[in-house]
Amino acid sequence: MEQGFNEYEKKRKKRQMIEYYSMKPTKSRRGRIEYEEERTKKVNREEKKRADVILEGQNKKKGKMKNELRERK
């Protein structure tokens, strides 16, 4: 009886330790998380630049079309 209880306690403690350390980011995981955040920021900046260029082009087209309409009238 005592032996079974000790085995149970060991497994329970091990399970708790695994849970604790899996929740808390280790140094390498923390570095990877920071790297991922930095990368997403960089990608978002690039996408925003690309979107601005596309918008700029669309605005130029709209401006040209408005000018053409004015000239026709």
PDB file of N, CA and C in Angstrom:
ATOM      1  N   MET A   1       0.837  -1.195   0.000  1.00  0.00           N
ATOM      2  CA  MET A   1       0.000   0.000   0.000  1.00  0.00           C
ATOM      3  C   MET A   1       0.876   1.251   0.000  1.00  0.00           C
ATOM      4  N   GLU A   2       1.831   1.263   0.922  1.00  0.00           N
ATOM      5  CA  GLU A   2       2.740   2.415   1.029  1.00  0.00           C
ATOM      6  C   GLU A   2       3.545   2.593  -0.260  1.00  0.00           C
ATOM      7  N   GLN A   3       3.990   1.473  -0.831  1.00  0.00           N
ATOM      8  CA  GLN A   3       4.785   1.508  -2.071  1.00  0.00           C
ATOM      9  C   GLN A   3       3.990   2.146  -3.209  1.00  0.00           C
ATOM     10  N   GLY A   4       2.743   1.738  -3.371  1.00  0.00           N
ATOM     11  CA  GLY A   4       1.872   2.273  -4.435  1.00  0.00           C
ATOM     12  C   GLY A   4       1.647   3.757  -4.262  1.00  0.00           C
ATOM     13  N   PHE A   5       1.463   4.199  -3.013  1.00  0.00           N
ATOM     14  CA  PHE A   5       1.230   5.614  -2.738  1.00  0.00           C
ATOM     15  C   PHE A   5       2.468   6.435  -3.092  1.00  0.00           C
ATOM     16  N   ASN A   6       3.656   5.939  -2.763  1.00  0.00           N
ATOM     17  CA  ASN A   6       4.897   6.642  -3.088  1.00  0.00           C
ATOM     18  C   ASN A   6       5.076   6.774  -4.596  1.00  0.00           C
ATOM     19  N   GLU A   7       4.764   5.714  -5.327  1.00  0.00           N
ATOM     20  CA  GLU A   7       4.855   5.755  -6.789  1.00  0.00           C
ATOM     21  C   GLU A   7       3.907   6.817  -7.346  1.00  0.00           C
ATOM     22  N   TYR A   8       2.697   6.837  -6.792  1.00  0.00           N
ATOM     23  CA  TYR A   8       1.695   7.812  -7.222  1.00  0.00           C
ATOM     24  C   TYR A   8       2.197   9.242  -6.975  1.00  0.00           C
ATOM     25  N   GLU A   9       2.750   9.485  -5.796  1.00  0.00           N
ATOM     26  CA  GLU A   9       3.273  10.816  -5.449  1.00  0.00           C
ATOM     27  C   GLU A   9       4.399  11.232  -6.398  1.00  0.00           C
ATOM     28  N   LYS A  10       5.304  10.302  -6.706  1.00  0.00           N
ATOM     29  CA  LYS A  10       6.411  10.603  -7.621  1.00  0.00           C
ATOM     30  C   LYS A  10       5.875  11.019  -8.989  1.00  0.00           C
ATOM     31  N   LYS A  11       4.910  10.250  -9.500  1.00  0.00           N
ATOM     32  CA  LYS A  11       4.340  10.552 -10.812  1.00  0.00           C
ATOM     33  C   LYS A  11       3.605  11.896 -10.797  1.00  0.00           C
ATOM     34  N   ARG A  12       2.903  12.153  -9.681  1.00  0.00           N
ATOM     35  CA  ARG A  12       2.158  13.408  -9.569  1.00  0.00           C
ATOM     36  C   ARG A  12       3.116  14.595  -9.564  1.00  0.00           C
ATOM     37  N   LYS A  13       4.202  14.497  -8.808  1.00  0.00           N
ATOM     38  CA  LYS A  13       5.196  15.574  -8.749  1.00  0.00           C
ATOM     39  C   LYS A  13       5.840  15.788 -10.120  1.00  0.00           C
ATOM     40  N   LYS A  14       6.145  14.681 -10.785  1.00  0.00           N
ATOM     41  CA  LYS A  14       6.761  14.774 -12.114  1.00  0.00           C
ATOM     42  C   LYS A  14       5.812  15.481 -13.082  1.00  0.00           C
ATOM     43  N   ARG A  15       4.534  15.108 -13.004  1.00  0.00           N
ATOM     44  CA  ARG A  15       3.529  15.719 -13.874  1.00  0.00           C
ATOM     45  C   ARG A  15       3.411  17.217 -13.597  1.00  0.00           C
ATOM     46  N   GLN A  16       3.443  17.590 -12.318  1.00  0.00           N
ATOM     47  CA  GLN A  16       3.364  19.000 -11.938  1.00  0.00           C
ATOM     48  C   GLN A  16       4.568  19.778 -12.454  1.00  0.00           C
ATOM     49  N   MET A  17       5.762  19.176 -12.345  1.00  0.00           N
ATOM     50  CA  MET A  17       6.975  19.843 -12.815  1.00  0.00           C
ATOM     51  C   MET A  17       6.913  20.061 -14.328  1.00  0.00           C
ATOM     52  N   ILE A  18       6.457  19.031 -15.027  1.00  0.00           N
ATOM     53  CA  ILE A  18       6.353  19.149 -16.489  1.00  0.00           C
ATOM     54  C   ILE A  18       5.369  20.259 -16.840  1.00  0.00           C
ATOM     55  N   GLU A  19       4.229  20.298 -16.162  1.00  0.00           N
ATOM     56  CA  GLU A  19       3.239  21.348 -16.408  1.00  0.00           C
ATOM     57  C   GLU A  19       3.835  22.720 -16.141  1.00  0.00           C
ATOM     58  N   TYR A  20       4.523  22.849 -15.011  1.00  0.00           N
ATOM     59  CA  TYR A  20       5.098  24.143 -14.616  1.00  0.00           C
ATOM     60  C   TYR A  20       6.103  24.628 -15.650  1.00  0.00           C
ATOM     61  N   TYR A  21       7.005  23.749 -16.059  1.00  0.00           N
ATOM     62  CA  TYR A  21       8.052  24.178 -16.987  1.00  0.00           C
ATOM     63  C   TYR A  21       7.539  24.335 -18.411  1.00  0.00           C
ATOM     64  N   SER A  22       6.453  23.673 -18.759  1.00  0.00           N
ATOM     65  CA  SER A  22       5.928  23.849 -20.110  1.00  0.00           C
ATOM     66  C   SER A  22       5.183  25.176 -20.217  1.00  0.00           C
ATOM     67  N   MET A  23       4.636  25.669 -19.111  1.00  0.00           N
ATOM     68  CA  MET A  23       3.938  26.958 -19.138  1.00  0.00           C
ATOM     69  C   MET A  23       4.934  28.109 -19.182  1.00  0.00           C
ATOM     70  N   LYS A  24       5.989  27.992 -18.408  1.00  0.00           N
ATOM     71  CA  LYS A  24       6.966  29.069 -18.313  1.00  0.00           C
ATOM     72  C   LYS A  24       7.957  28.950 -19.470  1.00  0.00           C
ATOM     73  N   PRO A  25       8.091  29.977 -20.304  1.00  0.00           N
ATOM     74  CA  PRO A  25       9.010  29.836 -21.433  1.00  0.00           C
ATOM     75  C   PRO A  25      10.462  29.765 -20.982  1.00  0.00           C
ATOM     76  N   THR A  26      11.176  28.818 -21.513  1.00  0.00           N
ATOM     77  CA  THR A  26      12.596  28.702 -21.190  1.00  0.00           C
ATOM     78  C   THR A  26      13.357  29.764 -21.970  1.00  0.00           C
ATOM     79  N   LYS A  27      14.634  29.853 -21.711  1.00  0.00           N
ATOM     80  CA  LYS A  27      15.435  30.888 -22.358  1.00  0.00           C
ATOM     81  C   LYS A  27      15.379  30.755 -23.882  1.00  0.00           C
ATOM     82  N   SER A  28      15.543  29.539 -24.382  1.00  0.00           N
ATOM     83  CA  SER A  28      15.550  29.354 -25.838  1.00  0.00           C
ATOM     84  C   SER A  28      14.161  29.638 -26.417  1.00  0.00           C
ATOM     85  N   ARG A  29      13.114  29.195 -25.721  1.00  0.00           N
ATOM     86  CA  ARG A  29      11.758  29.458 -26.213  1.00  0.00           C
ATOM     87  C   ARG A  29      11.463  30.946 -26.182  1.00  0.00           C
ATOM     88  N   ARG A  30      11.946  31.625 -25.133  1.00  0.00           N
ATOM     89  CA  ARG A  30      11.716  33.063 -25.022  1.00  0.00           C
ATOM     90  C   ARG A  30      12.377  33.780 -26.199  1.00  0.00           C
ATOM     91  N   GLY A  31      13.600  33.344 -26.530  1.00  0.00           N
ATOM     92  CA  GLY A  31      14.307  33.934 -27.661  1.00  0.00           C
ATOM     93  C   GLY A  31      13.569  33.690 -28.961  1.00  0.00           C
ATOM     94  N   ARG A  32      13.040  32.478 -29.103  1.00  0.00           N
ATOM     95  CA  ARG A  32      12.304  32.147 -30.328  1.00  0.00           C
ATOM     96  C   ARG A  32      11.024  32.976 -30.409  1.00  0.00           C
ATOM     97  N   ILE A  33      10.347  33.158 -29.276  1.00  0.00           N
ATOM     98  CA  ILE A  33       9.118  33.954 -29.258  1.00  0.00           C
ATOM     99  C   ILE A  33       9.426  35.396 -29.655  1.00  0.00           C
ATOM    100  N   GLU A  34      10.502  35.961 -29.080  1.00  0.00           N
ATOM    101  CA  GLU A  34      10.886  37.325 -29.433  1.00  0.00           C
ATOM    102  C   GLU A  34      11.237  37.417 -30.911  1.00  0.00           C
ATOM    103  N   TYR A  35      11.931  36.408 -31.421  1.00  0.00           N
ATOM    104  CA  TYR A  35      12.310  36.381 -32.832  1.00  0.00           C
ATOM    105  C   TYR A  35      11.057  36.366 -33.711  1.00  0.00           C
ATOM    106  N   GLU A  36      10.078  35.530 -33.336  1.00  0.00           N
ATOM    107  CA  GLU A  36       8.831  35.447 -34.104  1.00  0.00           C
ATOM    108  C   GLU A  36       8.106  36.784 -34.092  1.00  0.00           C
ATOM    109  N   GLU A  37       8.036  37.447 -32.919  1.00  0.00           N
ATOM    110  CA  GLU A  37       7.367  38.738 -32.825  1.00  0.00           C
ATOM    111  C   GLU A  37       8.068  39.763 -33.713  1.00  0.00           C
ATOM    112  N   GLU A  38       9.392  39.768 -33.671  1.00  0.00           N
ATOM    113  CA  GLU A  38      10.174  40.703 -34.480  1.00  0.00           C
ATOM    114  C   GLU A  38       9.922  40.452 -35.967  1.00  0.00           C
ATOM    115  N   ARG A  39       9.879  39.164 -36.332  1.00  0.00           N
ATOM    116  CA  ARG A  39       9.654  38.808 -37.733  1.00  0.00           C
ATOM    117  C   ARG A  39       8.265  39.249 -38.200  1.00  0.00           C
ATOM    118  N   THR A  40       7.250  39.047 -37.343  1.00  0.00           N
ATOM    119  CA  THR A  40       5.896  39.453 -37.746  1.00  0.00           C
ATOM    120  C   THR A  40       5.816  40.965 -37.881  1.00  0.00           C
ATOM    121  N   LYS A  41       6.511  41.698 -36.999  1.00  0.00           N
ATOM    122  CA  LYS A  41       6.529  43.159 -37.125  1.00  0.00           C
ATOM    123  C   LYS A  41       7.137  43.566 -38.453  1.00  0.00           C
ATOM    124  N   LYS A  42       8.252  42.908 -38.807  1.00  0.00           N
ATOM    125  CA  LYS A  42       8.947  43.220 -40.052  1.00  0.00           C
ATOM    126  C   LYS A  42       8.043  42.919 -41.245  1.00  0.00           C
ATOM    127  N   VAL A  43       7.400  41.758 -41.221  1.00  0.00           N
ATOM    128  CA  VAL A  43       6.510  41.367 -42.313  1.00  0.00           C
ATOM    129  C   VAL A  43       5.352  42.343 -42.412  1.00  0.00           C
ATOM    130  N   ASN A  44       4.791  42.734 -41.278  1.00  0.00           N
ATOM    131  CA  ASN A  44       3.675  43.673 -41.284  1.00  0.00           C
ATOM    132  C   ASN A  44       4.098  45.010 -41.875  1.00  0.00           C
ATOM    133  N   ARG A  45       5.322  45.462 -41.519  1.00  0.00           N
ATOM    134  CA  ARG A  45       5.823  46.720 -42.076  1.00  0.00           C
ATOM    135  C   ARG A  45       5.945  46.624 -43.592  1.00  0.00           C
ATOM    136  N   GLU A  46       6.500  45.494 -44.070  1.00  0.00           N
ATOM    137  CA  GLU A  46       6.660  45.307 -45.511  1.00  0.00           C
ATOM    138  C   GLU A  46       5.310  45.261 -46.206  1.00  0.00           C
ATOM    139  N   GLU A  47       4.343  44.567 -45.605  1.00  0.00           N
ATOM    140  CA  GLU A  47       3.009  44.493 -46.200  1.00  0.00           C
ATOM    141  C   GLU A  47       2.364  45.867 -46.239  1.00  0.00           C
ATOM    142  N   LYS A  48       2.564  46.646 -45.196  1.00  0.00           N
ATOM    143  CA  LYS A  48       1.990  47.989 -45.153  1.00  0.00           C
ATOM    144  C   LYS A  48       2.597  48.862 -46.252  1.00  0.00           C
ATOM    145  N   LYS A  49       3.922  48.754 -46.437  1.00  0.00           N
ATOM    146  CA  LYS A  49       4.579  49.509 -47.510  1.00  0.00           C
ATOM    147  C   LYS A  49       4.000  49.105 -48.861  1.00  0.00           C
ATOM    148  N   ARG A  50       3.860  47.786 -49.060  1.00  0.00           N
ATOM    149  CA  ARG A  50       3.318  47.280 -50.313  1.00  0.00           C
ATOM    150  C   ARG A  50       1.904  47.793 -50.531  1.00  0.00           C
ATOM    151  N   ALA A  51       1.109  47.775 -49.467  1.00  0.00           N
ATOM    152  CA  ALA A  51      -0.272  48.254 -49.562  1.00  0.00           C
ATOM    153  C   ALA A  51      -0.289  49.747 -49.883  1.00  0.00           C
ATOM    154  N   ASP A  52       0.619  50.525 -49.270  1.00  0.00           N
ATOM    155  CA  ASP A  52       0.688  51.957 -49.547  1.00  0.00           C
ATOM    156  C   ASP A  52       1.022  52.209 -51.011  1.00  0.00           C
ATOM    157  N   VAL A  53       1.959  51.431 -51.557  1.00  0.00           N
ATOM    158  CA  VAL A  53       2.337  51.593 -52.965  1.00  0.00           C
ATOM    159  C   VAL A  53       1.145  51.284 -53.863  1.00  0.00           C
ATOM    160  N   ILE A  54       0.431  50.199 -53.541  1.00  0.00           N
ATOM    161  CA  ILE A  54      -0.745  49.825 -54.342  1.00  0.00           C
ATOM    162  C   ILE A  54      -1.801  50.915 -54.261  1.00  0.00           C
ATOM    163  N   LEU A  55      -2.057  51.407 -53.049  1.00  0.00           N
ATOM    164  CA  LEU A  55      -3.045  52.475 -52.874  1.00  0.00           C
ATOM    165  C   LEU A  55      -2.639  53.719 -53.645  1.00  0.00           C
ATOM    166  N   GLU A  56      -1.363  54.037 -53.596  1.00  0.00           N
ATOM    167  CA  GLU A  56      -0.862  55.207 -54.301  1.00  0.00           C
ATOM    168  C   GLU A  56      -1.136  55.058 -55.798  1.00  0.00           C
ATOM    169  N   GLY A  57      -0.873  53.869 -56.319  1.00  0.00           N
ATOM    170  CA  GLY A  57      -1.134  53.601 -57.733  1.00  0.00           C
ATOM    171  C   GLY A  57      -2.607  53.712 -58.058  1.00  0.00           C
ATOM    172  N   GLN A  58      -3.452  53.196 -57.181  1.00  0.00           N
ATOM    173  CA  GLN A  58      -4.898  53.273 -57.410  1.00  0.00           C
ATOM    174  C   GLN A  58      -5.363  54.724 -57.375  1.00  0.00           C
ATOM    175  N   ASN A  59      -4.813  55.503 -56.448  1.00  0.00           N
ATOM    176  CA  ASN A  59      -5.198  56.911 -56.361  1.00  0.00           C
ATOM    177  C   ASN A  59      -4.778  57.664 -57.621  1.00  0.00           C
ATOM    178  N   LYS A  60      -3.597  57.321 -58.158  1.00  0.00           N
ATOM    179  CA  LYS A  60      -3.145  57.955 -59.400  1.00  0.00           C
ATOM    180  C   LYS A  60      -4.108  57.625 -60.532  1.00  0.00           C
ATOM    181  N   LYS A  61      -4.523  56.351 -60.618  1.00  0.00           N
ATOM    182  CA  LYS A  61      -5.467  55.941 -61.663  1.00  0.00           C
ATOM    183  C   LYS A  61      -6.770  56.709 -61.524  1.00  0.00           C
ATOM    184  N   LYS A  62      -7.274  56.833 -60.277  1.00  0.00           N
ATOM    185  CA  LYS A  62      -8.511  57.574 -60.043  1.00  0.00           C
ATOM    186  C   LYS A  62      -8.352  59.022 -60.465  1.00  0.00           C
ATOM    187  N   GLY A  63      -7.188  59.586 -60.120  1.00  0.00           N
ATOM    188  CA  GLY A  63      -6.927  60.977 -60.484  1.00  0.00           C
ATOM    189  C   GLY A  63      -6.901  61.154 -61.996  1.00  0.00           C
ATOM    190  N   LYS A  64      -6.259  60.212 -62.704  1.00  0.00           N
ATOM    191  CA  LYS A  64      -6.207  60.269 -64.165  1.00  0.00           C
ATOM    192  C   LYS A  64      -7.611  60.178 -64.738  1.00  0.00           C
ATOM    193  N   MET A  65      -8.418  59.262 -64.194  1.00  0.00           N
ATOM    194  CA  MET A  65      -9.779  59.080 -64.698  1.00  0.00           C
ATOM    195  C   MET A  65     -10.610  60.341 -64.471  1.00  0.00           C
ATOM    196  N   LYS A  66     -10.456  60.971 -63.315  1.00  0.00           N
ATOM    197  CA  LYS A  66     -11.196  62.205 -63.035  1.00  0.00           C
ATOM    198  C   LYS A  66     -10.768  63.310 -63.989  1.00  0.00           C
ATOM    199  N   ASN A  67      -9.448  63.397 -64.250  1.00  0.00           N
ATOM    200  CA  ASN A  67      -8.957  64.400 -65.183  1.00  0.00           C
ATOM    201  C   ASN A  67      -9.513  64.160 -66.584  1.00  0.00           C
ATOM    202  N   GLU A  68      -9.562  62.880 -67.002  1.00  0.00           N
ATOM    203  CA  GLU A  68     -10.110  62.552 -68.318  1.00  0.00           C
ATOM    204  C   GLU A  68     -11.580  62.949 -68.404  1.00  0.00           C
ATOM    205  N   LEU A  69     -12.324  62.701 -67.335  1.00  0.00           N
ATOM    206  CA  LEU A  69     -13.739  63.061 -67.324  1.00  0.00           C
ATOM    207  C   LEU A  69     -13.902  64.579 -67.430  1.00  0.00           C
ATOM    208  N   ARG A  70     -13.069  65.320 -66.728  1.00  0.00           N
ATOM    209  CA  ARG A  70     -13.136  66.782 -66.781  1.00  0.00           C
ATOM    210  C   ARG A  70     -12.841  67.277 -68.199  1.00  0.00           C
ATOM    211  N   GLU A  71     -11.830  66.649 -68.810  1.00  0.00           N
ATOM    212  CA  GLU A  71     -11.445  67.067 -70.159  1.00  0.00           C
ATOM    213  C   GLU A  71     -12.557  66.777 -71.154  1.00  0.00           C
ATOM    214  N   ARG A  72     -13.267  65.686 -70.986  1.00  0.00           N
ATOM    215  CA  ARG A  72     -14.353  65.325 -71.911  1.00  0.00           C
ATOM    216  C   ARG A  72     -15.496  66.321 -71.831  1.00  0.00           C
ATOM    217  N   LYS A  73     -15.752  66.861 -70.634  1.00  0.00           N
ATOM    218  CA  LYS A  73     -16.887  67.784 -70.448  1.00  0.00           C
ATOM    219  C   LYS A  73     -16.558  69.088 -71.042  1.00  0.00           C
TER     220      LYS A  73
END
